[in-house]
Amino acid sequence: MTNRIAETSPLVYARVAGLLYLMVFVLGIFAEFFVRQNLIVPGDAAATANNIMASESLFRMGFMSDLIGQMSSRCIDLNLQMSVHDVLSFFCSRCVELFQLI
């Protein structure tokens, strides 16, 4: 009996990366236009601090959306690397063969 290792298709990695891109986009829009526009007063640090203290939950949601967006972008890197891994390994092996001929 043979043990078969289940391999994930590169298409799955690419789709997950696409969904993560969408999530990064939505979270970035939320953090920039809904949180920062309501909290930050340009040129007035005291008013900005008062706005943050008045709506602490909004500030925390903006911080978390930035954090999750950054973590998602790191996961995008990994997913894209996994989706092109077979292509890159084929290309690298051909380059090694070419350089062995030289």
C-alpha atoms as a PDB file:
ATOM      1  CA  MET A   1       0.000   0.000   0.000  1.00  0.00           C
ATOM      2  CA  THR A   2       1.404   3.358  -0.944  1.00  0.00           C
ATOM      3  CA  ASN A   3       1.173   6.419   1.213  1.00  0.00           C
ATOM      4  CA  ARG A   4       0.128   9.387  -0.817  1.00  0.00           C
ATOM      5  CA  ILE A   5       1.062  12.832   0.417  1.00  0.00           C
ATOM      6  CA  ALA A   6      -1.633  15.337  -0.349  1.00  0.00           C
ATOM      7  CA  GLU A   7      -0.199  18.294  -2.221  1.00  0.00           C
ATOM      8  CA  THR A   8      -1.968  21.589  -2.352  1.00  0.00           C
ATOM      9  CA  SER A   9      -2.493  23.024  -5.786  1.00  0.00           C
ATOM     10  CA  PRO A  10      -0.766  26.326  -6.639  1.00  0.00           C
ATOM     11  CA  LEU A  11      -4.209  27.611  -7.610  1.00  0.00           C
ATOM     12  CA  VAL A  12      -5.341  27.289  -4.003  1.00  0.00           C
ATOM     13  CA  TYR A  13      -2.370  29.338  -2.821  1.00  0.00           C
ATOM     14  CA  ALA A  14      -3.083  31.974  -5.457  1.00  0.00           C
ATOM     15  CA  ARG A  15      -6.747  32.209  -4.440  1.00  0.00           C
ATOM     16  CA  VAL A  16      -5.849  32.538  -0.772  1.00  0.00           C
ATOM     17  CA  ALA A  17      -3.381  35.291  -1.699  1.00  0.00           C
ATOM     18  CA  GLY A  18      -6.150  37.052  -3.637  1.00  0.00           C
ATOM     19  CA  LEU A  19      -8.499  36.889  -0.666  1.00  0.00           C
ATOM     20  CA  LEU A  20      -5.755  38.222   1.592  1.00  0.00           C
ATOM     21  CA  TYR A  21      -5.136  41.098  -0.836  1.00  0.00           C
ATOM     22  CA  LEU A  22      -8.836  41.943  -0.636  1.00  0.00           C
ATOM     23  CA  MET A  23      -8.709  41.818   3.157  1.00  0.00           C
ATOM     24  CA  VAL A  24      -5.644  44.085   3.263  1.00  0.00           C
ATOM     25  CA  PHE A  25      -7.415  46.552   0.967  1.00  0.00           C
ATOM     26  CA  VAL A  26     -10.624  46.654   3.022  1.00  0.00           C
ATOM     27  CA  LEU A  27      -8.786  46.930   6.348  1.00  0.00           C
ATOM     28  CA  GLY A  28      -6.534  49.674   4.985  1.00  0.00           C
ATOM     29  CA  ILE A  29      -9.513  51.693   3.744  1.00  0.00           C
ATOM     30  CA  PHE A  30     -11.211  51.289   7.121  1.00  0.00           C
ATOM     31  CA  ALA A  31      -8.126  52.325   9.097  1.00  0.00           C
ATOM     32  CA  GLU A  32      -7.289  55.292   6.907  1.00  0.00           C
ATOM     33  CA  PHE A  33     -10.644  56.821   6.071  1.00  0.00           C
ATOM     34  CA  PHE A  34     -12.885  55.845   8.970  1.00  0.00           C
ATOM     35  CA  VAL A  35     -10.483  55.840  11.887  1.00  0.00           C
ATOM     36  CA  ARG A  36      -7.735  58.346  11.155  1.00  0.00           C
ATOM     37  CA  GLN A  37     -10.029  60.878   9.505  1.00  0.00           C
ATOM     38  CA  ASN A  38     -12.201  60.953  12.634  1.00  0.00           C
ATOM     39  CA  LEU A  39      -9.436  60.931  15.224  1.00  0.00           C
ATOM     40  CA  ILE A  40      -6.482  62.919  13.926  1.00  0.00           C
ATOM     41  CA  VAL A  41      -6.592  66.715  13.884  1.00  0.00           C
ATOM     42  CA  PRO A  42      -3.664  68.034  11.806  1.00  0.00           C
ATOM     43  CA  GLY A  43      -1.518  70.516  13.743  1.00  0.00           C
ATOM     44  CA  ASP A  44      -3.318  70.018  17.055  1.00  0.00           C
ATOM     45  CA  ALA A  45      -1.894  67.241  19.208  1.00  0.00           C
ATOM     46  CA  ALA A  46      -4.146  68.055  22.180  1.00  0.00           C
ATOM     47  CA  ALA A  47      -7.309  67.712  20.091  1.00  0.00           C
ATOM     48  CA  THR A  48      -6.017  64.458  18.623  1.00  0.00           C
ATOM     49  CA  ALA A  49      -5.309  63.087  22.114  1.00  0.00           C
ATOM     50  CA  ASN A  50      -8.783  64.160  23.267  1.00  0.00           C
ATOM     51  CA  ASN A  51     -10.373  62.454  20.249  1.00  0.00           C
ATOM     52  CA  ILE A  52      -8.451  59.249  20.953  1.00  0.00           C
ATOM     53  CA  MET A  53      -9.460  59.272  24.624  1.00  0.00           C
ATOM     54  CA  ALA A  54     -13.079  60.037  23.719  1.00  0.00           C
ATOM     55  CA  SER A  55     -13.347  57.126  21.293  1.00  0.00           C
ATOM     56  CA  GLU A  56     -10.834  54.609  22.532  1.00  0.00           C
ATOM     57  CA  SER A  57     -12.620  51.658  20.928  1.00  0.00           C
ATOM     58  CA  LEU A  58     -12.403  53.258  17.475  1.00  0.00           C
ATOM     59  CA  PHE A  59      -8.668  53.839  17.996  1.00  0.00           C
ATOM     60  CA  ARG A  60      -8.210  50.202  19.042  1.00  0.00           C
ATOM     61  CA  MET A  61     -10.151  48.959  16.012  1.00  0.00           C
ATOM     62  CA  GLY A  62      -7.955  51.074  13.751  1.00  0.00           C
ATOM     63  CA  PHE A  63      -4.818  49.749  15.405  1.00  0.00           C
ATOM     64  CA  MET A  64      -6.029  46.152  15.072  1.00  0.00           C
ATOM     65  CA  SER A  65      -6.985  46.636  11.430  1.00  0.00           C
ATOM     66  CA  ASP A  66      -3.480  47.964  10.722  1.00  0.00           C
ATOM     67  CA  LEU A  67      -1.924  45.047  12.588  1.00  0.00           C
ATOM     68  CA  ILE A  68      -4.054  42.419  10.849  1.00  0.00           C
ATOM     69  CA  GLY A  69      -3.404  44.081   7.496  1.00  0.00           C
ATOM     70  CA  GLN A  70       0.351  43.913   8.019  1.00  0.00           C
ATOM     71  CA  MET A  71       0.190  40.291   9.123  1.00  0.00           C
ATOM     72  CA  SER A  72      -1.958  39.463   6.104  1.00  0.00           C
ATOM     73  CA  SER A  73       0.563  41.037   3.764  1.00  0.00           C
ATOM     74  CA  ARG A  74       3.225  38.719   5.196  1.00  0.00           C
ATOM     75  CA  CYS A  75       0.922  35.766   4.571  1.00  0.00           C
ATOM     76  CA  ILE A  76       0.447  37.000   0.990  1.00  0.00           C
ATOM     77  CA  ASP A  77       4.206  36.783   0.510  1.00  0.00           C
ATOM     78  CA  LEU A  78       4.230  33.185   1.695  1.00  0.00           C
ATOM     79  CA  ASN A  79       1.222  32.195  -0.409  1.00  0.00           C
ATOM     80  CA  LEU A  80       2.676  33.714  -3.553  1.00  0.00           C
ATOM     81  CA  GLN A  81       5.979  31.992  -2.884  1.00  0.00           C
ATOM     82  CA  MET A  82       4.199  28.651  -2.508  1.00  0.00           C
ATOM     83  CA  SER A  83       2.132  29.217  -5.667  1.00  0.00           C
ATOM     84  CA  VAL A  84       5.229  29.776  -7.843  1.00  0.00           C
ATOM     85  CA  HIS A  85       7.488  27.291  -6.048  1.00  0.00           C
ATOM     86  CA  ASP A  86       7.217  24.629  -8.758  1.00  0.00           C
ATOM     87  CA  VAL A  87       7.885  27.126 -11.528  1.00  0.00           C
ATOM     88  CA  LEU A  88      10.866  28.594  -9.713  1.00  0.00           C
ATOM     89  CA  SER A  89      12.350  25.201  -8.898  1.00  0.00           C
ATOM     90  CA  PHE A  90      12.044  24.182 -12.568  1.00  0.00           C
ATOM     91  CA  PHE A  91      13.661  27.456 -13.671  1.00  0.00           C
ATOM     92  CA  CYS A  92      16.463  27.127 -11.123  1.00  0.00           C
ATOM     93  CA  SER A  93      17.221  23.554 -12.135  1.00  0.00           C
ATOM     94  CA  ARG A  94      17.430  24.640 -15.784  1.00  0.00           C
ATOM     95  CA  CYS A  95      19.805  27.478 -14.829  1.00  0.00           C
ATOM     96  CA  VAL A  96      22.018  25.022 -12.954  1.00  0.00           C
ATOM     97  CA  GLU A  97      22.081  22.734 -15.982  1.00  0.00           C
ATOM     98  CA  LEU A  98      22.989  25.674 -18.207  1.00  0.00           C
ATOM     99  CA  PHE A  99      25.828  26.759 -15.959  1.00  0.00           C
ATOM    100  CA  GLN A 100      27.136  23.194 -15.776  1.00  0.00           C
ATOM    101  CA  LEU A 101      27.503  23.247 -19.543  1.00  0.00           C
ATOM    102  CA  ILE A 102      29.634  26.373 -19.427  1.00  0.00           C
END
